[in-house]
Amino acid sequence: MNASMTVKFQESNFGDSFDVGELKRFLSLVGDMPTVDANVFLKPTFLRRLLNARPADVVEKTPEYLQDGIMTTDFIPSNIRAILWDNDGVLVDSENAFFEITRRVFQERGLALDSKFWATHFLGKGMKTSQIAQSLGMPVEESLRLAAHRDILWRQRIKDPVSLCSGVPATLKFLAGRYRMAVVTGAPREHFEDVHRSSGMMQYFQYSITADECPNVKPAPDAYLMTAAHLGLKPSECLVIEDSPRGVRAAISAGMPCVLIATALTDLSQCESATYIVNDVGEILSLPILASPAKESFHKQS
């Protein structure tokens, strides 16, 4: 065949856990194969599995491993029938708004709160706002008053529309009818309904679950497992879209592949178990796991 080979990837997404030079050397040994696109969507463990194969075996099995520049079949499941979405930071840009209000309240009390610290301890480790304030030297009672004041400001804020995350409307419109879709959030039902009062996005979802229906929130897998059961699907038939370490852990614990949308408030060091990492919702459409929708596509009832 002797077709040319191109290798595209972002080295920053592999970090210290994967030797990009190793991949380059491997691909240089395989000259008789179609164009290969080893891209950002393939996690390090997947690439290592390919690297463990003999180049001759990969060439022999090219139709099984590579198709239109995307690695497929026995490496990547193709039985996804539902997409389960986190809400805050994935569908609506509420995480940034919530952080900015929190940062301002901290600043008014003489405490500096940066996004990296917030991402690591609040979104990553699940510390409460009052606990974070205490870790920065604030007395317990004062920290509780600070958190209560911030909550009042936040409830006032979400009475106004909250922006959708980039790429959400077009992505949901494309996926609707091809997959069943549900929202799985650890926020209260009231918050969920407030941020979607005017979003226009709920028409694309068949189900939603909040902390009101499932108090054992992420990183526990309960809400994801309950959603799969409600849809009548196996966990392996559901793909999860998340933006936080706790969400990723919940999805993986539930036995579901998980796409992490890396935002400015995502601590990537706590998200190594994510199946894929992307930078924008729209990139989900090019993932190999969604390259071939389930044969029995779900169609919404009109």
C-alpha atoms as a PDB file:
ATOM      1  CA  MET A   1       0.000   0.000   0.000  1.00  0.00           C
ATOM      2  CA  ASN A   2       2.852   2.353   0.920  1.00  0.00           C
ATOM      3  CA  ALA A   3       0.514   5.213   1.793  1.00  0.00           C
ATOM      4  CA  SER A   4       1.908   8.241   3.574  1.00  0.00           C
ATOM      5  CA  MET A   5       1.587   8.390   7.336  1.00  0.00           C
ATOM      6  CA  THR A   6       0.701  11.380   9.484  1.00  0.00           C
ATOM      7  CA  VAL A   7       0.712  11.513  13.264  1.00  0.00           C
ATOM      8  CA  LYS A   8      -1.328  14.183  15.001  1.00  0.00           C
ATOM      9  CA  PHE A   9      -1.534  14.660  18.742  1.00  0.00           C
ATOM     10  CA  GLN A  10      -1.117  17.247  21.475  1.00  0.00           C
ATOM     11  CA  GLU A  11       1.792  16.307  23.690  1.00  0.00           C
ATOM     12  CA  SER A  12       0.459  18.348  26.602  1.00  0.00           C
ATOM     13  CA  ASN A  13      -2.511  16.003  26.950  1.00  0.00           C
ATOM     14  CA  PHE A  14      -0.244  13.027  27.584  1.00  0.00           C
ATOM     15  CA  GLY A  15       1.823  14.796  30.242  1.00  0.00           C
ATOM     16  CA  ASP A  16       4.514  12.799  31.992  1.00  0.00           C
ATOM     17  CA  SER A  17       2.539   9.561  31.828  1.00  0.00           C
ATOM     18  CA  PHE A  18       3.264   8.856  28.156  1.00  0.00           C
ATOM     19  CA  ASP A  19       6.421   9.052  26.074  1.00  0.00           C
ATOM     20  CA  VAL A  20       5.385  10.652  22.792  1.00  0.00           C
ATOM     21  CA  GLY A  21       8.774   9.781  21.318  1.00  0.00           C
ATOM     22  CA  GLU A  22       7.949   6.118  21.959  1.00  0.00           C
ATOM     23  CA  LEU A  23       4.856   6.426  19.789  1.00  0.00           C
ATOM     24  CA  LYS A  24       6.820   8.144  17.027  1.00  0.00           C
ATOM     25  CA  ARG A  25       9.430   5.400  17.037  1.00  0.00           C
ATOM     26  CA  PHE A  26       6.773   2.707  16.873  1.00  0.00           C
ATOM     27  CA  LEU A  27       4.988   4.291  13.947  1.00  0.00           C
ATOM     28  CA  SER A  28       8.276   4.723  12.111  1.00  0.00           C
ATOM     29  CA  LEU A  29       8.626   0.918  12.127  1.00  0.00           C
ATOM     30  CA  VAL A  30       5.277   0.458  10.406  1.00  0.00           C
ATOM     31  CA  GLY A  31       5.572   1.763   6.872  1.00  0.00           C
ATOM     32  CA  ASP A  32       2.982  -0.245   4.970  1.00  0.00           C
ATOM     33  CA  MET A  33      -0.301   0.944   6.451  1.00  0.00           C
ATOM     34  CA  PRO A  34      -2.927   3.612   5.810  1.00  0.00           C
ATOM     35  CA  THR A  35      -2.660   7.086   7.256  1.00  0.00           C
ATOM     36  CA  VAL A  36      -2.649   6.940  11.039  1.00  0.00           C
ATOM     37  CA  ASP A  37      -4.058   9.715  13.167  1.00  0.00           C
ATOM     38  CA  ALA A  38      -2.835   9.053  16.710  1.00  0.00           C
ATOM     39  CA  ASN A  39      -4.676  11.957  18.247  1.00  0.00           C
ATOM     40  CA  VAL A  40      -5.593  13.610  21.519  1.00  0.00           C
ATOM     41  CA  PHE A  41      -8.666  11.450  21.986  1.00  0.00           C
ATOM     42  CA  LEU A  42      -6.713   8.260  22.620  1.00  0.00           C
ATOM     43  CA  LYS A  43      -5.689   7.877  26.243  1.00  0.00           C
ATOM     44  CA  PRO A  44      -2.160   6.667  27.125  1.00  0.00           C
ATOM     45  CA  THR A  45      -3.245   3.193  28.245  1.00  0.00           C
ATOM     46  CA  PHE A  46      -4.898   2.617  24.873  1.00  0.00           C
ATOM     47  CA  LEU A  47      -1.758   3.677  23.021  1.00  0.00           C
ATOM     48  CA  ARG A  48       0.431   1.483  25.196  1.00  0.00           C
ATOM     49  CA  ARG A  49      -1.734  -1.485  24.308  1.00  0.00           C
ATOM     50  CA  LEU A  50      -1.054  -0.820  20.637  1.00  0.00           C
ATOM     51  CA  LEU A  51       2.647  -0.369  21.339  1.00  0.00           C
ATOM     52  CA  ASN A  52       2.789  -3.820  22.936  1.00  0.00           C
ATOM     53  CA  ALA A  53       1.816  -5.414  19.622  1.00  0.00           C
ATOM     54  CA  ARG A  54       4.431  -6.408  17.045  1.00  0.00           C
ATOM     55  CA  PRO A  55       4.509  -4.010  14.078  1.00  0.00           C
ATOM     56  CA  ALA A  56       4.041  -6.937  11.684  1.00  0.00           C
ATOM     57  CA  ASP A  57       0.882  -7.982  13.519  1.00  0.00           C
ATOM     58  CA  VAL A  58      -0.525  -4.473  13.341  1.00  0.00           C
ATOM     59  CA  VAL A  59       0.104  -4.309   9.599  1.00  0.00           C
ATOM     60  CA  GLU A  60      -1.550  -7.691   9.116  1.00  0.00           C
ATOM     61  CA  LYS A  61      -4.597  -6.590  11.101  1.00  0.00           C
ATOM     62  CA  THR A  62      -4.801  -3.077   9.687  1.00  0.00           C
ATOM     63  CA  PRO A  63      -8.498  -3.330   8.719  1.00  0.00           C
ATOM     64  CA  GLU A  64      -9.337  -4.263  12.313  1.00  0.00           C
ATOM     65  CA  TYR A  65      -7.186  -1.636  14.003  1.00  0.00           C
ATOM     66  CA  LEU A  66      -7.455   1.310  11.648  1.00  0.00           C
ATOM     67  CA  GLN A  67     -10.303   2.746   9.667  1.00  0.00           C
ATOM     68  CA  ASP A  68     -10.287   6.196   8.084  1.00  0.00           C
ATOM     69  CA  GLY A  69      -7.458   7.225  10.362  1.00  0.00           C
ATOM     70  CA  ILE A  70      -9.206   6.182  13.577  1.00  0.00           C
ATOM     71  CA  MET A  71      -8.363   3.158  15.718  1.00  0.00           C
ATOM     72  CA  THR A  72     -11.387   0.916  16.160  1.00  0.00           C
ATOM     73  CA  THR A  73     -12.900  -2.553  16.851  1.00  0.00           C
ATOM     74  CA  ASP A  74     -11.439  -4.672  19.635  1.00  0.00           C
ATOM     75  CA  PHE A  75      -9.763  -1.649  21.206  1.00  0.00           C
ATOM     76  CA  ILE A  76     -12.828   0.598  21.175  1.00  0.00           C
ATOM     77  CA  PRO A  77     -16.388  -0.450  22.093  1.00  0.00           C
ATOM     78  CA  SER A  78     -19.080   0.302  19.531  1.00  0.00           C
ATOM     79  CA  ASN A  79     -22.204  -0.545  21.517  1.00  0.00           C
ATOM     80  CA  ILE A  80     -22.907   2.907  22.965  1.00  0.00           C
ATOM     81  CA  ARG A  81     -26.644   3.545  23.023  1.00  0.00           C
ATOM     82  CA  ALA A  82     -26.906   6.431  25.487  1.00  0.00           C
ATOM     83  CA  ILE A  83     -24.937   9.539  26.420  1.00  0.00           C
ATOM     84  CA  LEU A  84     -25.116  10.709  30.029  1.00  0.00           C
ATOM     85  CA  TRP A  85     -24.172  14.329  30.585  1.00  0.00           C
ATOM     86  CA  ASP A  86     -22.966  16.137  33.657  1.00  0.00           C
ATOM     87  CA  ASN A  87     -24.579  19.561  33.836  1.00  0.00           C
ATOM     88  CA  ASP A  88     -22.512  22.298  35.468  1.00  0.00           C
ATOM     89  CA  GLY A  89     -19.379  23.032  33.444  1.00  0.00           C
ATOM     90  CA  VAL A  90     -20.435  20.658  30.647  1.00  0.00           C
ATOM     91  CA  LEU A  91     -23.827  21.877  29.421  1.00  0.00           C
ATOM     92  CA  VAL A  92     -24.009  25.251  31.164  1.00  0.00           C
ATOM     93  CA  ASP A  93     -21.086  27.531  32.005  1.00  0.00           C
ATOM     94  CA  SER A  94     -22.113  27.725  35.644  1.00  0.00           C
ATOM     95  CA  GLU A  95     -18.840  26.463  37.149  1.00  0.00           C
ATOM     96  CA  ASN A  96     -16.977  29.600  36.070  1.00  0.00           C
ATOM     97  CA  ALA A  97     -19.773  31.887  37.269  1.00  0.00           C
ATOM     98  CA  PHE A  98     -19.961  30.060  40.605  1.00  0.00           C
ATOM     99  CA  PHE A  99     -16.196  30.295  41.083  1.00  0.00           C
ATOM    100  CA  GLU A 100     -16.122  34.015  40.286  1.00  0.00           C
ATOM    101  CA  ILE A 101     -18.807  34.761  42.870  1.00  0.00           C
ATOM    102  CA  THR A 102     -16.971  32.628  45.420  1.00  0.00           C
ATOM    103  CA  ARG A 103     -13.631  34.273  44.623  1.00  0.00           C
ATOM    104  CA  ARG A 104     -15.169  37.730  45.066  1.00  0.00           C
ATOM    105  CA  VAL A 105     -16.671  36.816  48.444  1.00  0.00           C
ATOM    106  CA  PHE A 106     -13.300  35.467  49.591  1.00  0.00           C
ATOM    107  CA  GLN A 107     -11.562  38.609  48.347  1.00  0.00           C
ATOM    108  CA  GLU A 108     -13.969  40.852  50.277  1.00  0.00           C
ATOM    109  CA  ARG A 109     -12.789  39.098  53.418  1.00  0.00           C
ATOM    110  CA  GLY A 110      -9.116  39.422  52.597  1.00  0.00           C
ATOM    111  CA  LEU A 111      -8.552  35.887  51.264  1.00  0.00           C
ATOM    112  CA  ALA A 112      -7.013  35.125  47.863  1.00  0.00           C
ATOM    113  CA  LEU A 113      -8.624  32.184  46.066  1.00  0.00           C
ATOM    114  CA  ASP A 114      -7.127  31.138  42.750  1.00  0.00           C
ATOM    115  CA  SER A 115      -8.717  28.865  40.159  1.00  0.00           C
ATOM    116  CA  LYS A 116      -6.110  26.110  40.467  1.00  0.00           C
ATOM    117  CA  PHE A 117      -6.640  25.776  44.225  1.00  0.00           C
ATOM    118  CA  TRP A 118     -10.416  25.722  43.709  1.00  0.00           C
ATOM    119  CA  ALA A 119     -10.162  23.129  40.949  1.00  0.00           C
ATOM    120  CA  THR A 120      -8.019  20.840  43.078  1.00  0.00           C
ATOM    121  CA  HIS A 121      -9.829  21.071  46.392  1.00  0.00           C
ATOM    122  CA  PHE A 122     -13.478  21.896  45.609  1.00  0.00           C
ATOM    123  CA  LEU A 123     -14.093  20.295  42.230  1.00  0.00           C
ATOM    124  CA  GLY A 124     -11.442  17.600  42.623  1.00  0.00           C
ATOM    125  CA  LYS A 125     -11.419  16.541  46.260  1.00  0.00           C
ATOM    126  CA  GLY A 126     -14.924  17.681  47.175  1.00  0.00           C
ATOM    127  CA  MET A 127     -14.003  20.082  49.986  1.00  0.00           C
ATOM    128  CA  LYS A 128     -16.794  22.415  51.053  1.00  0.00           C
ATOM    129  CA  THR A 129     -16.434  26.168  50.620  1.00  0.00           C
ATOM    130  CA  SER A 130     -16.294  26.658  54.399  1.00  0.00           C
ATOM    131  CA  GLN A 131     -13.534  24.052  54.676  1.00  0.00           C
ATOM    132  CA  ILE A 132     -11.510  25.808  51.983  1.00  0.00           C
ATOM    133  CA  ALA A 133     -11.914  29.117  53.818  1.00  0.00           C
ATOM    134  CA  GLN A 134     -10.756  27.438  57.025  1.00  0.00           C
ATOM    135  CA  SER A 135      -7.707  26.015  55.233  1.00  0.00           C
ATOM    136  CA  LEU A 136      -6.805  29.594  54.319  1.00  0.00           C
ATOM    137  CA  GLY A 137      -6.962  30.685  57.966  1.00  0.00           C
ATOM    138  CA  MET A 138     -10.584  31.758  58.482  1.00  0.00           C
ATOM    139  CA  PRO A 139     -12.284  30.805  61.780  1.00  0.00           C
ATOM    140  CA  VAL A 140     -15.007  28.149  61.559  1.00  0.00           C
ATOM    141  CA  GLU A 141     -18.017  30.355  62.363  1.00  0.00           C
ATOM    142  CA  GLU A 142     -16.899  33.054  59.957  1.00  0.00           C
ATOM    143  CA  SER A 143     -16.302  30.484  57.212  1.00  0.00           C
ATOM    144  CA  LEU A 144     -19.859  29.179  57.608  1.00  0.00           C
ATOM    145  CA  ARG A 145     -21.250  32.719  57.313  1.00  0.00           C
ATOM    146  CA  LEU A 146     -19.114  33.281  54.201  1.00  0.00           C
ATOM    147  CA  ALA A 147     -20.450  30.137  52.539  1.00  0.00           C
ATOM    148  CA  ALA A 148     -24.051  31.041  53.412  1.00  0.00           C
ATOM    149  CA  HIS A 149     -23.606  34.545  51.969  1.00  0.00           C
ATOM    150  CA  ARG A 150     -22.117  33.128  48.777  1.00  0.00           C
ATOM    151  CA  ASP A 151     -25.068  30.737  48.440  1.00  0.00           C
ATOM    152  CA  ILE A 152     -27.509  33.665  48.632  1.00  0.00           C
ATOM    153  CA  LEU A 153     -25.597  35.526  45.920  1.00  0.00           C
ATOM    154  CA  TRP A 154     -25.538  32.408  43.740  1.00  0.00           C
ATOM    155  CA  ARG A 155     -29.270  31.797  44.028  1.00  0.00           C
ATOM    156  CA  GLN A 156     -29.810  35.393  42.977  1.00  0.00           C
ATOM    157  CA  ARG A 157     -27.408  34.996  40.051  1.00  0.00           C
ATOM    158  CA  ILE A 158     -29.076  31.963  38.516  1.00  0.00           C
ATOM    159  CA  LYS A 159     -32.425  33.708  38.385  1.00  0.00           C
ATOM    160  CA  ASP A 160     -30.882  35.274  35.271  1.00  0.00           C
ATOM    161  CA  PRO A 161     -29.887  33.115  32.271  1.00  0.00           C
ATOM    162  CA  VAL A 162     -26.607  31.191  32.510  1.00  0.00           C
ATOM    163  CA  SER A 163     -24.605  30.835  29.291  1.00  0.00           C
ATOM    164  CA  LEU A 164     -24.378  27.468  27.591  1.00  0.00           C
ATOM    165  CA  CYS A 165     -20.922  25.974  27.173  1.00  0.00           C
ATOM    166  CA  SER A 166     -19.318  26.323  23.764  1.00  0.00           C
ATOM    167  CA  GLY A 167     -20.592  23.875  21.160  1.00  0.00           C
ATOM    168  CA  VAL A 168     -23.482  22.523  23.246  1.00  0.00           C
ATOM    169  CA  PRO A 169     -26.514  23.455  21.094  1.00  0.00           C
ATOM    170  CA  ALA A 170     -25.115  22.085  17.821  1.00  0.00           C
ATOM    171  CA  THR A 171     -23.738  18.936  19.482  1.00  0.00           C
ATOM    172  CA  LEU A 172     -26.987  18.063  21.254  1.00  0.00           C
ATOM    173  CA  LYS A 173     -29.010  18.734  18.116  1.00  0.00           C
ATOM    174  CA  PHE A 174     -26.782  16.376  16.119  1.00  0.00           C
ATOM    175  CA  LEU A 175     -26.885  13.584  18.717  1.00  0.00           C
ATOM    176  CA  ALA A 176     -30.618  13.799  19.382  1.00  0.00           C
ATOM    177  CA  GLY A 177     -32.386  10.806  17.861  1.00  0.00           C
ATOM    178  CA  ARG A 178     -29.107   8.926  17.434  1.00  0.00           C
ATOM    179  CA  TYR A 179     -28.627   8.187  21.136  1.00  0.00           C
ATOM    180  CA  ARG A 180     -30.728   8.302  24.258  1.00  0.00           C
ATOM    181  CA  MET A 181     -29.563  11.188  26.427  1.00  0.00           C
ATOM    182  CA  ALA A 182     -29.852  12.040  30.108  1.00  0.00           C
ATOM    183  CA  VAL A 183     -28.453  14.608  32.534  1.00  0.00           C
ATOM    184  CA  VAL A 184     -26.786  13.322  35.708  1.00  0.00           C
ATOM    185  CA  THR A 185     -25.975  16.055  38.216  1.00  0.00           C
ATOM    186  CA  GLY A 186     -25.132  16.213  41.893  1.00  0.00           C
ATOM    187  CA  ALA A 187     -26.823  19.607  42.244  1.00  0.00           C
ATOM    188  CA  PRO A 188     -30.302  20.047  43.755  1.00  0.00           C
ATOM    189  CA  ARG A 189     -33.324  19.843  41.437  1.00  0.00           C
ATOM    190  CA  GLU A 190     -34.104  23.532  42.037  1.00  0.00           C
ATOM    191  CA  HIS A 191     -30.649  24.586  40.837  1.00  0.00           C
ATOM    192  CA  PHE A 192     -30.892  22.331  37.785  1.00  0.00           C
ATOM    193  CA  GLU A 193     -34.250  23.749  36.769  1.00  0.00           C
ATOM    194  CA  ASP A 194     -33.124  27.328  37.386  1.00  0.00           C
ATOM    195  CA  VAL A 195     -30.090  27.128  35.088  1.00  0.00           C
ATOM    196  CA  HIS A 196     -32.162  25.496  32.345  1.00  0.00           C
ATOM    197  CA  ARG A 197     -35.257  27.664  32.656  1.00  0.00           C
ATOM    198  CA  SER A 198     -34.447  29.400  29.384  1.00  0.00           C
ATOM    199  CA  SER A 199     -31.668  27.195  27.942  1.00  0.00           C
ATOM    200  CA  GLY A 200     -33.894  25.396  25.455  1.00  0.00           C
ATOM    201  CA  MET A 201     -31.744  22.273  25.805  1.00  0.00           C
ATOM    202  CA  MET A 202     -34.026  20.020  27.828  1.00  0.00           C
ATOM    203  CA  GLN A 203     -35.916  19.033  24.680  1.00  0.00           C
ATOM    204  CA  TYR A 204     -32.967  16.777  23.805  1.00  0.00           C
ATOM    205  CA  PHE A 205     -33.031  14.714  27.022  1.00  0.00           C
ATOM    206  CA  GLN A 206     -35.235  11.806  28.012  1.00  0.00           C
ATOM    207  CA  TYR A 207     -34.292  11.767  31.690  1.00  0.00           C
ATOM    208  CA  SER A 208     -32.547  13.761  34.404  1.00  0.00           C
ATOM    209  CA  ILE A 209     -31.439  12.902  37.913  1.00  0.00           C
ATOM    210  CA  THR A 210     -30.300  15.291  40.651  1.00  0.00           C
ATOM    211  CA  ALA A 211     -29.183  15.159  44.277  1.00  0.00           C
ATOM    212  CA  ASP A 212     -32.851  15.224  45.271  1.00  0.00           C
ATOM    213  CA  GLU A 213     -33.421  11.814  43.692  1.00  0.00           C
ATOM    214  CA  CYS A 214     -29.960  10.408  44.473  1.00  0.00           C
ATOM    215  CA  PRO A 215     -28.405  11.942  47.617  1.00  0.00           C
ATOM    216  CA  ASN A 216     -25.296   9.737  47.327  1.00  0.00           C
ATOM    217  CA  VAL A 217     -23.652  12.055  44.808  1.00  0.00           C
ATOM    218  CA  LYS A 218     -20.439  11.771  42.784  1.00  0.00           C
ATOM    219  CA  PRO A 219     -17.808  10.344  43.120  1.00  0.00           C
ATOM    220  CA  ALA A 220     -20.243   7.568  44.084  1.00  0.00           C
ATOM    221  CA  PRO A 221     -21.506   5.791  40.946  1.00  0.00           C
ATOM    222  CA  ASP A 222     -25.112   5.559  42.168  1.00  0.00           C
ATOM    223  CA  ALA A 223     -26.646   8.271  39.984  1.00  0.00           C
ATOM    224  CA  TYR A 224     -25.089   6.861  36.822  1.00  0.00           C
ATOM    225  CA  LEU A 225     -26.184   3.332  37.662  1.00  0.00           C
ATOM    226  CA  MET A 226     -29.718   4.517  38.449  1.00  0.00           C
ATOM    227  CA  THR A 227     -29.851   6.343  35.108  1.00  0.00           C
ATOM    228  CA  ALA A 228     -28.702   3.298  33.147  1.00  0.00           C
ATOM    229  CA  ALA A 229     -31.319   1.189  34.920  1.00  0.00           C
ATOM    230  CA  HIS A 230     -34.023   3.747  34.136  1.00  0.00           C
ATOM    231  CA  LEU A 231     -33.061   3.647  30.449  1.00  0.00           C
ATOM    232  CA  GLY A 232     -33.008  -0.158  30.491  1.00  0.00           C
ATOM    233  CA  LEU A 233     -29.349  -0.275  29.451  1.00  0.00           C
ATOM    234  CA  LYS A 234     -26.147  -1.893  30.662  1.00  0.00           C
ATOM    235  CA  PRO A 235     -23.529   0.492  32.094  1.00  0.00           C
ATOM    236  CA  SER A 236     -21.177  -0.401  29.210  1.00  0.00           C
ATOM    237  CA  GLU A 237     -23.800   0.899  26.777  1.00  0.00           C
ATOM    238  CA  CYS A 238     -23.616   4.391  28.279  1.00  0.00           C
ATOM    239  CA  LEU A 239     -20.995   7.052  27.537  1.00  0.00           C
ATOM    240  CA  VAL A 240     -20.496   9.725  30.200  1.00  0.00           C
ATOM    241  CA  ILE A 241     -19.479  13.350  29.565  1.00  0.00           C
ATOM    242  CA  GLU A 242     -17.817  14.993  32.584  1.00  0.00           C
ATOM    243  CA  ASP A 243     -15.541  17.912  33.497  1.00  0.00           C
ATOM    244  CA  SER A 244     -14.337  17.048  37.004  1.00  0.00           C
ATOM    245  CA  PRO A 245     -12.307  14.342  38.753  1.00  0.00           C
ATOM    246  CA  ARG A 246     -15.255  13.366  40.947  1.00  0.00           C
ATOM    247  CA  GLY A 247     -17.447  12.915  37.901  1.00  0.00           C
ATOM    248  CA  VAL A 248     -14.828  10.832  36.119  1.00  0.00           C
ATOM    249  CA  ARG A 249     -14.418   8.574  39.151  1.00  0.00           C
ATOM    250  CA  ALA A 250     -18.178   8.120  39.377  1.00  0.00           C
ATOM    251  CA  ALA A 251     -18.462   7.123  35.718  1.00  0.00           C
ATOM    252  CA  ILE A 252     -15.538   4.701  35.759  1.00  0.00           C
ATOM    253  CA  SER A 253     -16.768   3.148  39.010  1.00  0.00           C
ATOM    254  CA  ALA A 254     -20.126   2.620  37.315  1.00  0.00           C
ATOM    255  CA  GLY A 255     -18.410   0.715  34.505  1.00  0.00           C
ATOM    256  CA  MET A 256     -19.007   3.414  31.899  1.00  0.00           C
ATOM    257  CA  PRO A 257     -16.469   4.936  29.489  1.00  0.00           C
ATOM    258  CA  CYS A 258     -16.004   8.616  30.221  1.00  0.00           C
ATOM    259  CA  VAL A 259     -15.101  11.665  28.141  1.00  0.00           C
ATOM    260  CA  LEU A 260     -13.475  14.428  30.160  1.00  0.00           C
ATOM    261  CA  ILE A 261     -13.938  17.968  28.880  1.00  0.00           C
ATOM    262  CA  ALA A 262     -10.852  19.750  30.146  1.00  0.00           C
ATOM    263  CA  THR A 263     -11.711  23.277  31.280  1.00  0.00           C
ATOM    264  CA  ALA A 264      -9.785  25.979  33.123  1.00  0.00           C
ATOM    265  CA  LEU A 265     -11.268  24.511  36.318  1.00  0.00           C
ATOM    266  CA  THR A 266     -10.321  20.882  35.679  1.00  0.00           C
ATOM    267  CA  ASP A 267      -7.456  19.358  37.645  1.00  0.00           C
ATOM    268  CA  LEU A 268      -6.099  16.960  35.012  1.00  0.00           C
ATOM    269  CA  SER A 269      -3.742  15.310  37.498  1.00  0.00           C
ATOM    270  CA  GLN A 270      -6.804  13.748  39.157  1.00  0.00           C
ATOM    271  CA  CYS A 271      -8.408  12.594  35.889  1.00  0.00           C
ATOM    272  CA  GLU A 272      -6.019   9.913  34.638  1.00  0.00           C
ATOM    273  CA  SER A 273      -8.779   7.292  34.531  1.00  0.00           C
ATOM    274  CA  ALA A 274     -10.785   9.220  31.910  1.00  0.00           C
ATOM    275  CA  THR A 275     -11.277   7.232  28.714  1.00  0.00           C
ATOM    276  CA  TYR A 276     -10.893  10.302  26.503  1.00  0.00           C
ATOM    277  CA  ILE A 277      -9.875  13.914  27.072  1.00  0.00           C
ATOM    278  CA  VAL A 278     -11.150  16.714  24.838  1.00  0.00           C
ATOM    279  CA  ASN A 279     -11.132  20.482  25.095  1.00  0.00           C
ATOM    280  CA  ASP A 280     -14.567  21.300  23.701  1.00  0.00           C
ATOM    281  CA  VAL A 281     -17.996  19.668  23.629  1.00  0.00           C
ATOM    282  CA  GLY A 282     -18.001  19.680  19.828  1.00  0.00           C
ATOM    283  CA  GLU A 283     -14.923  17.426  19.742  1.00  0.00           C
ATOM    284  CA  ILE A 284     -17.052  14.588  21.117  1.00  0.00           C
ATOM    285  CA  LEU A 285     -18.564  14.071  17.675  1.00  0.00           C
ATOM    286  CA  SER A 286     -15.224  12.989  16.214  1.00  0.00           C
ATOM    287  CA  LEU A 287     -14.466  10.395  18.890  1.00  0.00           C
ATOM    288  CA  PRO A 288     -14.132   6.847  17.554  1.00  0.00           C
ATOM    289  CA  ILE A 289     -16.437   5.554  20.261  1.00  0.00           C
ATOM    290  CA  LEU A 290     -19.262   7.491  18.581  1.00  0.00           C
ATOM    291  CA  ALA A 291     -18.172   6.762  15.020  1.00  0.00           C
ATOM    292  CA  SER A 292     -20.865   4.096  14.571  1.00  0.00           C
ATOM    293  CA  PRO A 293     -24.093   4.781  16.493  1.00  0.00           C
ATOM    294  CA  ALA A 294     -26.028   1.771  17.786  1.00  0.00           C
ATOM    295  CA  LYS A 295     -27.977   0.034  15.032  1.00  0.00           C
ATOM    296  CA  GLU A 296     -31.218   0.517  16.893  1.00  0.00           C
ATOM    297  CA  SER A 297     -31.042   4.306  17.254  1.00  0.00           C
ATOM    298  CA  PHE A 298     -33.408   5.839  19.712  1.00  0.00           C
ATOM    299  CA  HIS A 299     -35.984   8.206  18.199  1.00  0.00           C
ATOM    300  CA  LYS A 300     -37.859  10.643  20.402  1.00  0.00           C
ATOM    301  CA  GLN A 301     -41.594  10.379  20.459  1.00  0.00           C
ATOM    302  CA  SER A 302     -43.222  13.491  19.050  1.00  0.00           C
END
